[in-house]
Each structure stands twice: as C-alpha cells, then as structure tokens.
Amino acid sequence: LNADVTVSARKLSDLAFISTKQLSAVSTNKLYTLSPFDIIFNTVPA
C-alpha cells in the first residue's frame, strides 16, 4: 500500500530477513531511538 514500513524484531535472523524484503529493520530494544510513527501495529504478547 506504499507505506513507509519499519519492522522490529529481537532475533538477528529475523532482522536479516526483514532487510531482504526492502523494509527497515530495527531491534526491539531500540524502538525508542526512532523517529515518530503515524501508525504502530503490535503483534508481540509482551
């Protein structure tokens, strides 16, 4: 849908795979360092 998508994950393997999809990848423990978002979707039960 042409959104500017960033995906967070903990596993290095997931972060690597996200990068191959031409999406921005970020470690979950560094979310607070990012620029503001318009829409946040959480799928993590923690």
All heavy atoms as atom14 arrays in JSON, in Angstrom:
{
  "sequence": "LNADVTVSARKLSDLAFISTKQLSAVSTNKLYTLSPFDIIFNTVPA",
  "atom14_mask": [
    [1, 1, 1, 1, 1, 1, 1, 1, 0, 0, 0, 0, 0, 0],
    [1, 1, 1, 1, 1, 1, 1, 1, 0, 0, 0, 0, 0, 0],
    [1, 1, 1, 1, 1, 0, 0, 0, 0, 0, 0, 0, 0, 0],
    [1, 1, 1, 1, 1, 1, 1, 1, 0, 0, 0, 0, 0, 0],
    [1, 1, 1, 1, 1, 1, 1, 0, 0, 0, 0, 0, 0, 0],
    [1, 1, 1, 1, 1, 1, 1, 0, 0, 0, 0, 0, 0, 0],
    [1, 1, 1, 1, 1, 1, 1, 0, 0, 0, 0, 0, 0, 0],
    [1, 1, 1, 1, 1, 1, 0, 0, 0, 0, 0, 0, 0, 0],
    [1, 1, 1, 1, 1, 0, 0, 0, 0, 0, 0, 0, 0, 0],
    [1, 1, 1, 1, 1, 1, 1, 1, 1, 1, 1, 0, 0, 0],
    [1, 1, 1, 1, 1, 1, 1, 1, 1, 0, 0, 0, 0, 0],
    [1, 1, 1, 1, 1, 1, 1, 1, 0, 0, 0, 0, 0, 0],
    [1, 1, 1, 1, 1, 1, 0, 0, 0, 0, 0, 0, 0, 0],
    [1, 1, 1, 1, 1, 1, 1, 1, 0, 0, 0, 0, 0, 0],
    [1, 1, 1, 1, 1, 1, 1, 1, 0, 0, 0, 0, 0, 0],
    [1, 1, 1, 1, 1, 0, 0, 0, 0, 0, 0, 0, 0, 0],
    [1, 1, 1, 1, 1, 1, 1, 1, 1, 1, 1, 0, 0, 0],
    [1, 1, 1, 1, 1, 1, 1, 1, 0, 0, 0, 0, 0, 0],
    [1, 1, 1, 1, 1, 1, 0, 0, 0, 0, 0, 0, 0, 0],
    [1, 1, 1, 1, 1, 1, 1, 0, 0, 0, 0, 0, 0, 0],
    [1, 1, 1, 1, 1, 1, 1, 1, 1, 0, 0, 0, 0, 0],
    [1, 1, 1, 1, 1, 1, 1, 1, 1, 0, 0, 0, 0, 0],
    [1, 1, 1, 1, 1, 1, 1, 1, 0, 0, 0, 0, 0, 0],
    [1, 1, 1, 1, 1, 1, 0, 0, 0, 0, 0, 0, 0, 0],
    [1, 1, 1, 1, 1, 0, 0, 0, 0, 0, 0, 0, 0, 0],
    [1, 1, 1, 1, 1, 1, 1, 0, 0, 0, 0, 0, 0, 0],
    [1, 1, 1, 1, 1, 1, 0, 0, 0, 0, 0, 0, 0, 0],
    [1, 1, 1, 1, 1, 1, 1, 0, 0, 0, 0, 0, 0, 0],
    [1, 1, 1, 1, 1, 1, 1, 1, 0, 0, 0, 0, 0, 0],
    [1, 1, 1, 1, 1, 1, 1, 1, 1, 0, 0, 0, 0, 0],
    [1, 1, 1, 1, 1, 1, 1, 1, 0, 0, 0, 0, 0, 0],
    [1, 1, 1, 1, 1, 1, 1, 1, 1, 1, 1, 1, 0, 0],
    [1, 1, 1, 1, 1, 1, 1, 0, 0, 0, 0, 0, 0, 0],
    [1, 1, 1, 1, 1, 1, 1, 1, 0, 0, 0, 0, 0, 0],
    [1, 1, 1, 1, 1, 1, 0, 0, 0, 0, 0, 0, 0, 0],
    [1, 1, 1, 1, 1, 1, 1, 0, 0, 0, 0, 0, 0, 0],
    [1, 1, 1, 1, 1, 1, 1, 1, 1, 1, 1, 0, 0, 0],
    [1, 1, 1, 1, 1, 1, 1, 1, 0, 0, 0, 0, 0, 0],
    [1, 1, 1, 1, 1, 1, 1, 1, 0, 0, 0, 0, 0, 0],
    [1, 1, 1, 1, 1, 1, 1, 1, 0, 0, 0, 0, 0, 0],
    [1, 1, 1, 1, 1, 1, 1, 1, 1, 1, 1, 0, 0, 0],
    [1, 1, 1, 1, 1, 1, 1, 1, 0, 0, 0, 0, 0, 0],
    [1, 1, 1, 1, 1, 1, 1, 0, 0, 0, 0, 0, 0, 0],
    [1, 1, 1, 1, 1, 1, 1, 0, 0, 0, 0, 0, 0, 0],
    [1, 1, 1, 1, 1, 1, 1, 0, 0, 0, 0, 0, 0, 0],
    [1, 1, 1, 1, 1, 0, 0, 0, 0, 0, 0, 0, 0, 0]
  ],
  "atom14_positions": [
    [[0.83, -1.22, 0.0], [0.0, 0.0, 0.0], [0.86, 1.27, 0.0], [0.36, 2.36, 0.23], [-0.92, -0.01, 1.22], [-2.06, -1.04, 1.19], [-2.74, -1.14, 2.54], [-3.08, -0.68, 0.11], [0.0, 0.0, 0.0], [0.0, 0.0, 0.0], [0.0, 0.0, 0.0], [0.0, 0.0, 0.0], [0.0, 0.0, 0.0], [0.0, 0.0, 0.0]],
    [[2.16, 1.09, -0.22], [3.1, 2.2, -0.35], [3.35, 2.93, 0.97], [3.67, 4.12, 0.99], [2.62, 3.2, -1.41], [3.74, 4.04, -1.99], [4.88, 3.57, -2.1], [3.46, 5.29, -2.35], [0.0, 0.0, 0.0], [0.0, 0.0, 0.0], [0.0, 0.0, 0.0], [0.0, 0.0, 0.0], [0.0, 0.0, 0.0], [0.0, 0.0, 0.0]],
    [[3.21, 2.21, 2.08], [3.55, 2.79, 3.38], [5.06, 2.71, 3.58], [5.76, 1.9, 2.97], [2.84, 2.03, 4.48], [0.0, 0.0, 0.0], [0.0, 0.0, 0.0], [0.0, 0.0, 0.0], [0.0, 0.0, 0.0], [0.0, 0.0, 0.0], [0.0, 0.0, 0.0], [0.0, 0.0, 0.0], [0.0, 0.0, 0.0], [0.0, 0.0, 0.0]],
    [[5.56, 3.58, 4.45], [6.97, 3.55, 4.85], [7.04, 2.63, 6.07], [6.68, 3.03, 7.18], [7.43, 4.97, 5.18], [8.87, 5.02, 5.64], [9.55, 3.96, 5.6], [9.33, 6.09, 6.06], [0.0, 0.0, 0.0], [0.0, 0.0, 0.0], [0.0, 0.0, 0.0], [0.0, 0.0, 0.0], [0.0, 0.0, 0.0], [0.0, 0.0, 0.0]],
    [[7.49, 1.38, 5.88], [7.34, 0.34, 6.89], [8.66, 0.05, 7.6], [9.69, -0.2, 6.95], [6.79, -0.97, 6.27], [6.58, -2.02, 7.36], [5.49, -0.7, 5.52], [0.0, 0.0, 0.0], [0.0, 0.0, 0.0], [0.0, 0.0, 0.0], [0.0, 0.0, 0.0], [0.0, 0.0, 0.0], [0.0, 0.0, 0.0], [0.0, 0.0, 0.0]],
    [[8.6, 0.06, 8.93], [9.7, -0.39, 9.77], [9.21, -1.59, 10.57], [8.08, -1.57, 11.08], [10.17, 0.72, 10.74], [10.66, 1.82, 9.97], [11.27, 0.21, 11.66], [0.0, 0.0, 0.0], [0.0, 0.0, 0.0], [0.0, 0.0, 0.0], [0.0, 0.0, 0.0], [0.0, 0.0, 0.0], [0.0, 0.0, 0.0], [0.0, 0.0, 0.0]],
    [[10.03, -2.62, 10.69], [9.64, -3.81, 11.43], [10.66, -4.05, 12.54], [11.88, -3.99, 12.29], [9.57, -5.06, 10.52], [9.08, -6.27, 11.32], [8.67, -4.8, 9.33], [0.0, 0.0, 0.0], [0.0, 0.0, 0.0], [0.0, 0.0, 0.0], [0.0, 0.0, 0.0], [0.0, 0.0, 0.0], [0.0, 0.0, 0.0], [0.0, 0.0, 0.0]],
    [[10.17, -4.3, 13.74], [11.08, -4.6, 14.85], [11.07, -6.1, 15.15], [10.06, -6.77, 14.98], [10.67, -3.83, 16.1], [9.55, -4.44, 16.74], [0.0, 0.0, 0.0], [0.0, 0.0, 0.0], [0.0, 0.0, 0.0], [0.0, 0.0, 0.0], [0.0, 0.0, 0.0], [0.0, 0.0, 0.0], [0.0, 0.0, 0.0], [0.0, 0.0, 0.0]],
    [[12.21, -6.59, 15.57], [12.35, -7.99, 15.95], [13.51, -8.11, 16.92], [14.35, -7.21, 17.04], [12.57, -8.87, 14.72], [0.0, 0.0, 0.0], [0.0, 0.0, 0.0], [0.0, 0.0, 0.0], [0.0, 0.0, 0.0], [0.0, 0.0, 0.0], [0.0, 0.0, 0.0], [0.0, 0.0, 0.0], [0.0, 0.0, 0.0], [0.0, 0.0, 0.0]],
    [[13.57, -9.24, 17.62], [14.67, -9.49, 18.56], [15.76, -10.36, 17.93], [16.94, -10.16, 18.18], [14.14, -10.17, 19.82], [13.19, -9.29, 20.64], [12.85, -9.96, 21.95], [11.87, -9.21, 22.72], [12.16, -8.17, 23.51], [13.4, -7.77, 23.61], [11.21, -7.56, 24.18], [0.0, 0.0, 0.0], [0.0, 0.0, 0.0], [0.0, 0.0, 0.0]],
    [[15.35, -11.33, 17.12], [16.31, -12.27, 16.54], [17.09, -11.63, 15.4], [16.51, -10.96, 14.54], [15.59, -13.52, 16.02], [14.91, -14.36, 17.09], [14.22, -15.55, 16.44], [13.51, -16.41, 17.46], [12.79, -17.55, 16.81], [0.0, 0.0, 0.0], [0.0, 0.0, 0.0], [0.0, 0.0, 0.0], [0.0, 0.0, 0.0], [0.0, 0.0, 0.0]],
    [[18.39, -11.88, 15.37], [19.22, -11.37, 14.29], [18.79, -11.97, 12.95], [18.85, -11.3, 11.92], [20.69, -11.69, 14.56], [21.34, -10.95, 15.75], [22.77, -11.43, 15.95], [21.3, -9.44, 15.54], [0.0, 0.0, 0.0], [0.0, 0.0, 0.0], [0.0, 0.0, 0.0], [0.0, 0.0, 0.0], [0.0, 0.0, 0.0], [0.0, 0.0, 0.0]],
    [[18.34, -13.22, 12.97], [17.89, -13.86, 11.72], [16.66, -13.16, 11.16], [16.54, -12.99, 9.94], [17.61, -15.34, 11.97], [16.63, -15.5, 12.99], [0.0, 0.0, 0.0], [0.0, 0.0, 0.0], [0.0, 0.0, 0.0], [0.0, 0.0, 0.0], [0.0, 0.0, 0.0], [0.0, 0.0, 0.0], [0.0, 0.0, 0.0], [0.0, 0.0, 0.0]],
    [[15.74, -12.76, 12.06], [14.55, -12.04, 11.6], [14.93, -10.68, 11.04], [14.4, -10.24, 10.02], [13.56, -11.87, 12.76], [12.8, -13.14, 13.08], [12.77, -14.04, 12.21], [12.26, -13.25, 14.19], [0.0, 0.0, 0.0], [0.0, 0.0, 0.0], [0.0, 0.0, 0.0], [0.0, 0.0, 0.0], [0.0, 0.0, 0.0], [0.0, 0.0, 0.0]],
    [[15.84, -9.98, 11.72], [16.27, -8.66, 11.26], [16.92, -8.76, 9.88], [16.7, -7.9, 9.01], [17.24, -8.04, 12.26], [16.63, -7.66, 13.62], [17.73, -7.3, 14.61], [15.65, -6.5, 13.47], [0.0, 0.0, 0.0], [0.0, 0.0, 0.0], [0.0, 0.0, 0.0], [0.0, 0.0, 0.0], [0.0, 0.0, 0.0], [0.0, 0.0, 0.0]],
    [[17.68, -9.82, 9.67], [18.32, -10.02, 8.37], [17.27, -10.27, 7.29], [17.34, -9.71, 6.18], [19.29, -11.19, 8.44], [0.0, 0.0, 0.0], [0.0, 0.0, 0.0], [0.0, 0.0, 0.0], [0.0, 0.0, 0.0], [0.0, 0.0, 0.0], [0.0, 0.0, 0.0], [0.0, 0.0, 0.0], [0.0, 0.0, 0.0], [0.0, 0.0, 0.0]],
    [[16.28, -11.1, 7.61], [15.25, -11.42, 6.63], [14.41, -10.18, 6.3], [14.05, -9.96, 5.15], [14.35, -12.53, 7.16], [13.46, -13.13, 6.11], [13.98, -14.05, 5.2], [12.13, -12.77, 6.0], [13.17, -14.59, 4.22], [11.32, -13.31, 5.03], [11.84, -14.23, 4.12], [0.0, 0.0, 0.0], [0.0, 0.0, 0.0], [0.0, 0.0, 0.0]],
    [[14.09, -9.38, 7.31], [13.33, -8.14, 7.09], [14.07, -7.25, 6.11], [13.48, -6.66, 5.2], [13.11, -7.41, 8.43], [12.17, -8.21, 9.33], [12.53, -6.01, 8.19], [12.2, -7.78, 10.78], [0.0, 0.0, 0.0], [0.0, 0.0, 0.0], [0.0, 0.0, 0.0], [0.0, 0.0, 0.0], [0.0, 0.0, 0.0], [0.0, 0.0, 0.0]],
    [[15.39, -7.15, 6.27], [16.2, -6.3, 5.39], [16.14, -6.77, 3.94], [16.18, -5.97, 3.01], [17.65, -6.28, 5.87], [17.74, -5.73, 7.16], [0.0, 0.0, 0.0], [0.0, 0.0, 0.0], [0.0, 0.0, 0.0], [0.0, 0.0, 0.0], [0.0, 0.0, 0.0], [0.0, 0.0, 0.0], [0.0, 0.0, 0.0], [0.0, 0.0, 0.0]],
    [[16.03, -8.08, 3.73], [15.96, -8.61, 2.37], [14.64, -8.26, 1.69], [14.52, -8.35, 0.47], [16.15, -10.14, 2.34], [15.01, -10.78, 2.95], [17.41, -10.55, 3.06], [0.0, 0.0, 0.0], [0.0, 0.0, 0.0], [0.0, 0.0, 0.0], [0.0, 0.0, 0.0], [0.0, 0.0, 0.0], [0.0, 0.0, 0.0], [0.0, 0.0, 0.0]],
    [[13.65, -7.89, 2.49], [12.33, -7.53, 1.93], [12.24, -6.04, 1.61], [11.16, -5.53, 1.33], [11.25, -7.9, 2.95], [11.25, -9.34, 3.39], [10.64, -10.26, 2.37], [9.14, -10.14, 2.37], [8.5, -11.16, 1.49], [0.0, 0.0, 0.0], [0.0, 0.0, 0.0], [0.0, 0.0, 0.0], [0.0, 0.0, 0.0], [0.0, 0.0, 0.0]],
    [[13.36, -5.34, 1.66], [13.4, -3.9, 1.41], [12.53, -3.13, 2.4], [11.9, -2.13, 2.06], [12.99, -3.58, -0.04], [13.96, -4.18, -1.08], [13.61, -3.8, -2.5], [12.44, -3.61, -2.83], [14.63, -3.7, -3.33], [0.0, 0.0, 0.0], [0.0, 0.0, 0.0], [0.0, 0.0, 0.0], [0.0, 0.0, 0.0], [0.0, 0.0, 0.0]],
    [[12.51, -3.62, 3.64], [11.84, -2.95, 4.74], [12.91, -2.48, 5.72], [14.01, -3.04, 5.77], [10.88, -3.91, 5.45], [9.79, -4.56, 4.6], [9.12, -5.68, 5.37], [8.77, -3.53, 4.15], [0.0, 0.0, 0.0], [0.0, 0.0, 0.0], [0.0, 0.0, 0.0], [0.0, 0.0, 0.0], [0.0, 0.0, 0.0], [0.0, 0.0, 0.0]],
    [[12.6, -1.46, 6.49], [13.54, -1.03, 7.53], [13.45, -1.98, 8.71], [12.34, -2.34, 9.14], [13.19, 0.4, 7.98], [13.33, 1.31, 6.9], [0.0, 0.0, 0.0], [0.0, 0.0, 0.0], [0.0, 0.0, 0.0], [0.0, 0.0, 0.0], [0.0, 0.0, 0.0], [0.0, 0.0, 0.0], [0.0, 0.0, 0.0], [0.0, 0.0, 0.0]],
    [[14.59, -2.38, 9.23], [14.62, -3.32, 10.35], [15.26, -2.65, 11.56], [16.22, -1.89, 11.43], [15.42, -4.57, 9.98], [0.0, 0.0, 0.0], [0.0, 0.0, 0.0], [0.0, 0.0, 0.0], [0.0, 0.0, 0.0], [0.0, 0.0, 0.0], [0.0, 0.0, 0.0], [0.0, 0.0, 0.0], [0.0, 0.0, 0.0], [0.0, 0.0, 0.0]],
    [[14.69, -2.96, 12.74], [15.22, -2.38, 13.97], [15.08, -3.4, 15.09], [14.1, -4.14, 15.15], [14.5, -1.07, 14.34], [13.02, -1.31, 14.58], [15.14, -0.41, 15.55], [0.0, 0.0, 0.0], [0.0, 0.0, 0.0], [0.0, 0.0, 0.0], [0.0, 0.0, 0.0], [0.0, 0.0, 0.0], [0.0, 0.0, 0.0], [0.0, 0.0, 0.0]],
    [[16.06, -3.42, 15.96], [15.98, -4.28, 17.13], [14.91, -3.74, 18.07], [14.79, -2.52, 18.26], [17.33, -4.32, 17.84], [17.24, -5.09, 19.02], [0.0, 0.0, 0.0], [0.0, 0.0, 0.0], [0.0, 0.0, 0.0], [0.0, 0.0, 0.0], [0.0, 0.0, 0.0], [0.0, 0.0, 0.0], [0.0, 0.0, 0.0], [0.0, 0.0, 0.0]],
    [[14.15, -4.62, 18.67], [13.04, -4.21, 19.53], [13.5, -3.33, 20.68], [12.78, -2.4, 21.09], [12.31, -5.46, 20.07], [11.81, -6.21, 18.96], [11.14, -5.07, 20.96], [0.0, 0.0, 0.0], [0.0, 0.0, 0.0], [0.0, 0.0, 0.0], [0.0, 0.0, 0.0], [0.0, 0.0, 0.0], [0.0, 0.0, 0.0], [0.0, 0.0, 0.0]],
    [[14.68, -3.57, 21.21], [15.13, -2.78, 22.35], [15.66, -1.4, 21.96], [16.13, -0.64, 22.82], [16.2, -3.54, 23.15], [17.43, -3.86, 22.32], [17.61, -3.36, 21.21], [18.3, -4.71, 22.86], [0.0, 0.0, 0.0], [0.0, 0.0, 0.0], [0.0, 0.0, 0.0], [0.0, 0.0, 0.0], [0.0, 0.0, 0.0], [0.0, 0.0, 0.0]],
    [[15.56, -1.05, 20.67], [15.99, 0.28, 20.23], [14.85, 1.11, 19.63], [15.09, 2.11, 18.95], [17.12, 0.14, 19.21], [18.4, -0.45, 19.79], [19.5, -0.51, 18.76], [20.78, -1.08, 19.37], [21.88, -1.17, 18.37], [0.0, 0.0, 0.0], [0.0, 0.0, 0.0], [0.0, 0.0, 0.0], [0.0, 0.0, 0.0], [0.0, 0.0, 0.0]],
    [[13.63, 0.69, 19.9], [12.48, 1.39, 19.32], [12.42, 2.86, 19.74], [12.03, 3.74, 18.97], [11.17, 0.69, 19.74], [10.87, -0.65, 19.07], [9.61, -1.26, 19.67], [10.72, -0.47, 17.58], [0.0, 0.0, 0.0], [0.0, 0.0, 0.0], [0.0, 0.0, 0.0], [0.0, 0.0, 0.0], [0.0, 0.0, 0.0], [0.0, 0.0, 0.0]],
    [[12.8, 3.13, 20.96], [12.69, 4.49, 21.49], [13.64, 5.46, 20.79], [13.51, 6.69, 20.92], [12.97, 4.5, 22.99], [14.39, 4.12, 23.37], [15.37, 5.09, 23.49], [14.74, 2.8, 23.56], [16.68, 4.75, 23.82], [16.04, 2.44, 23.88], [17.0, 3.41, 24.01], [18.29, 3.07, 24.31], [0.0, 0.0, 0.0], [0.0, 0.0, 0.0]],
    [[14.6, 4.96, 20.01], [15.56, 5.82, 19.32], [15.05, 6.29, 17.96], [15.69, 7.14, 17.33], [16.89, 5.09, 19.12], [16.7, 4.0, 18.2], [17.43, 4.55, 20.43], [0.0, 0.0, 0.0], [0.0, 0.0, 0.0], [0.0, 0.0, 0.0], [0.0, 0.0, 0.0], [0.0, 0.0, 0.0], [0.0, 0.0, 0.0], [0.0, 0.0, 0.0]],
    [[13.92, 5.76, 17.52], [13.45, 6.03, 16.16], [12.65, 7.32, 16.08], [12.15, 7.84, 17.08], [12.59, 4.86, 15.67], [13.27, 3.49, 15.64], [12.29, 2.44, 15.13], [14.51, 3.52, 14.76], [0.0, 0.0, 0.0], [0.0, 0.0, 0.0], [0.0, 0.0, 0.0], [0.0, 0.0, 0.0], [0.0, 0.0, 0.0], [0.0, 0.0, 0.0]],
    [[12.51, 7.8, 14.85], [11.67, 8.97, 14.6], [10.21, 8.6, 14.85], [9.84, 7.41, 14.82], [11.84, 9.43, 13.15], [13.19, 9.8, 12.91], [0.0, 0.0, 0.0], [0.0, 0.0, 0.0], [0.0, 0.0, 0.0], [0.0, 0.0, 0.0], [0.0, 0.0, 0.0], [0.0, 0.0, 0.0], [0.0, 0.0, 0.0], [0.0, 0.0, 0.0]],
    [[9.34, 9.59, 15.07], [7.92, 9.29, 15.36], [7.24, 8.54, 14.22], [7.57, 8.72, 13.05], [7.31, 10.69, 15.53], [8.45, 11.57, 15.9], [9.63, 11.03, 15.16], [0.0, 0.0, 0.0], [0.0, 0.0, 0.0], [0.0, 0.0, 0.0], [0.0, 0.0, 0.0], [0.0, 0.0, 0.0], [0.0, 0.0, 0.0], [0.0, 0.0, 0.0]],
    [[6.28, 7.69, 14.6], [5.49, 6.93, 13.62], [4.06, 7.45, 13.6], [3.57, 8.04, 14.57], [5.49, 5.44, 13.98], [6.82, 4.78, 13.8], [7.68, 4.61, 14.87], [7.23, 4.35, 12.54], [8.92, 4.02, 14.71], [8.47, 3.74, 12.37], [9.32, 3.58, 13.46], [0.0, 0.0, 0.0], [0.0, 0.0, 0.0], [0.0, 0.0, 0.0]],
    [[3.38, 7.2, 12.47], [1.97, 7.55, 12.35], [1.07, 6.42, 12.87], [0.07, 6.67, 13.52], [1.62, 7.83, 10.88], [2.38, 9.01, 10.32], [2.4, 10.06, 10.98], [2.97, 8.86, 9.23], [0.0, 0.0, 0.0], [0.0, 0.0, 0.0], [0.0, 0.0, 0.0], [0.0, 0.0, 0.0], [0.0, 0.0, 0.0], [0.0, 0.0, 0.0]],
    [[1.46, 5.19, 12.55], [0.66, 4.02, 12.93], [1.6, 2.95, 13.48], [2.59, 2.6, 12.83], [-0.13, 3.44, 11.75], [-0.91, 4.53, 11.02], [-1.09, 2.35, 12.23], [-1.53, 4.07, 9.7], [0.0, 0.0, 0.0], [0.0, 0.0, 0.0], [0.0, 0.0, 0.0], [0.0, 0.0, 0.0], [0.0, 0.0, 0.0], [0.0, 0.0, 0.0]],
    [[1.28, 2.46, 14.66], [2.06, 1.37, 15.26], [1.15, 0.14, 15.38], [0.05, 0.22, 15.94], [2.6, 1.75, 16.64], [3.61, 2.9, 16.52], [3.26, 0.54, 17.31], [4.15, 3.38, 17.86], [0.0, 0.0, 0.0], [0.0, 0.0, 0.0], [0.0, 0.0, 0.0], [0.0, 0.0, 0.0], [0.0, 0.0, 0.0], [0.0, 0.0, 0.0]],
    [[1.61, -0.98, 14.85], [0.92, -2.26, 14.98], [1.78, -3.15, 15.88], [2.94, -3.41, 15.56], [0.75, -2.95, 13.63], [-0.02, -2.17, 12.61], [0.63, -1.27, 11.76], [-1.39, -2.36, 12.46], [-0.07, -0.57, 10.8], [-2.1, -1.66, 11.48], [-1.44, -0.76, 10.66], [0.0, 0.0, 0.0], [0.0, 0.0, 0.0], [0.0, 0.0, 0.0]],
    [[1.21, -3.63, 16.97], [1.95, -4.55, 17.83], [1.4, -5.95, 17.7], [0.19, -6.17, 17.8], [1.89, -4.12, 19.29], [2.6, -5.13, 20.18], [3.79, -5.39, 19.99], [1.87, -5.73, 21.1], [0.0, 0.0, 0.0], [0.0, 0.0, 0.0], [0.0, 0.0, 0.0], [0.0, 0.0, 0.0], [0.0, 0.0, 0.0], [0.0, 0.0, 0.0]],
    [[2.29, -6.92, 17.51], [1.88, -8.33, 17.45], [2.51, -9.14, 18.56], [2.29, -10.34, 18.64], [2.28, -8.96, 16.09], [3.71, -9.08, 16.02], [1.79, -8.11, 14.93], [0.0, 0.0, 0.0], [0.0, 0.0, 0.0], [0.0, 0.0, 0.0], [0.0, 0.0, 0.0], [0.0, 0.0, 0.0], [0.0, 0.0, 0.0], [0.0, 0.0, 0.0]],
    [[3.29, -8.5, 19.43], [4.05, -9.2, 20.46], [3.27, -9.23, 21.78], [2.92, -8.18, 22.32], [5.41, -8.52, 20.7], [6.22, -9.28, 21.75], [6.19, -8.41, 19.4], [0.0, 0.0, 0.0], [0.0, 0.0, 0.0], [0.0, 0.0, 0.0], [0.0, 0.0, 0.0], [0.0, 0.0, 0.0], [0.0, 0.0, 0.0], [0.0, 0.0, 0.0]],
    [[2.99, -10.42, 22.33], [2.23, -10.52, 23.6], [3.13, -10.3, 24.82], [3.24, -11.14, 25.7], [1.68, -11.95, 23.56], [2.71, -12.7, 22.79], [3.26, -11.75, 21.75], [0.0, 0.0, 0.0], [0.0, 0.0, 0.0], [0.0, 0.0, 0.0], [0.0, 0.0, 0.0], [0.0, 0.0, 0.0], [0.0, 0.0, 0.0], [0.0, 0.0, 0.0]],
    [[3.79, -9.14, 24.83], [4.67, -8.77, 25.94], [4.71, -7.25, 25.97], [4.44, -6.59, 24.94], [6.07, -9.35, 25.73], [0.0, 0.0, 0.0], [0.0, 0.0, 0.0], [0.0, 0.0, 0.0], [0.0, 0.0, 0.0], [0.0, 0.0, 0.0], [0.0, 0.0, 0.0], [0.0, 0.0, 0.0], [0.0, 0.0, 0.0], [0.0, 0.0, 0.0]]
  ]
}
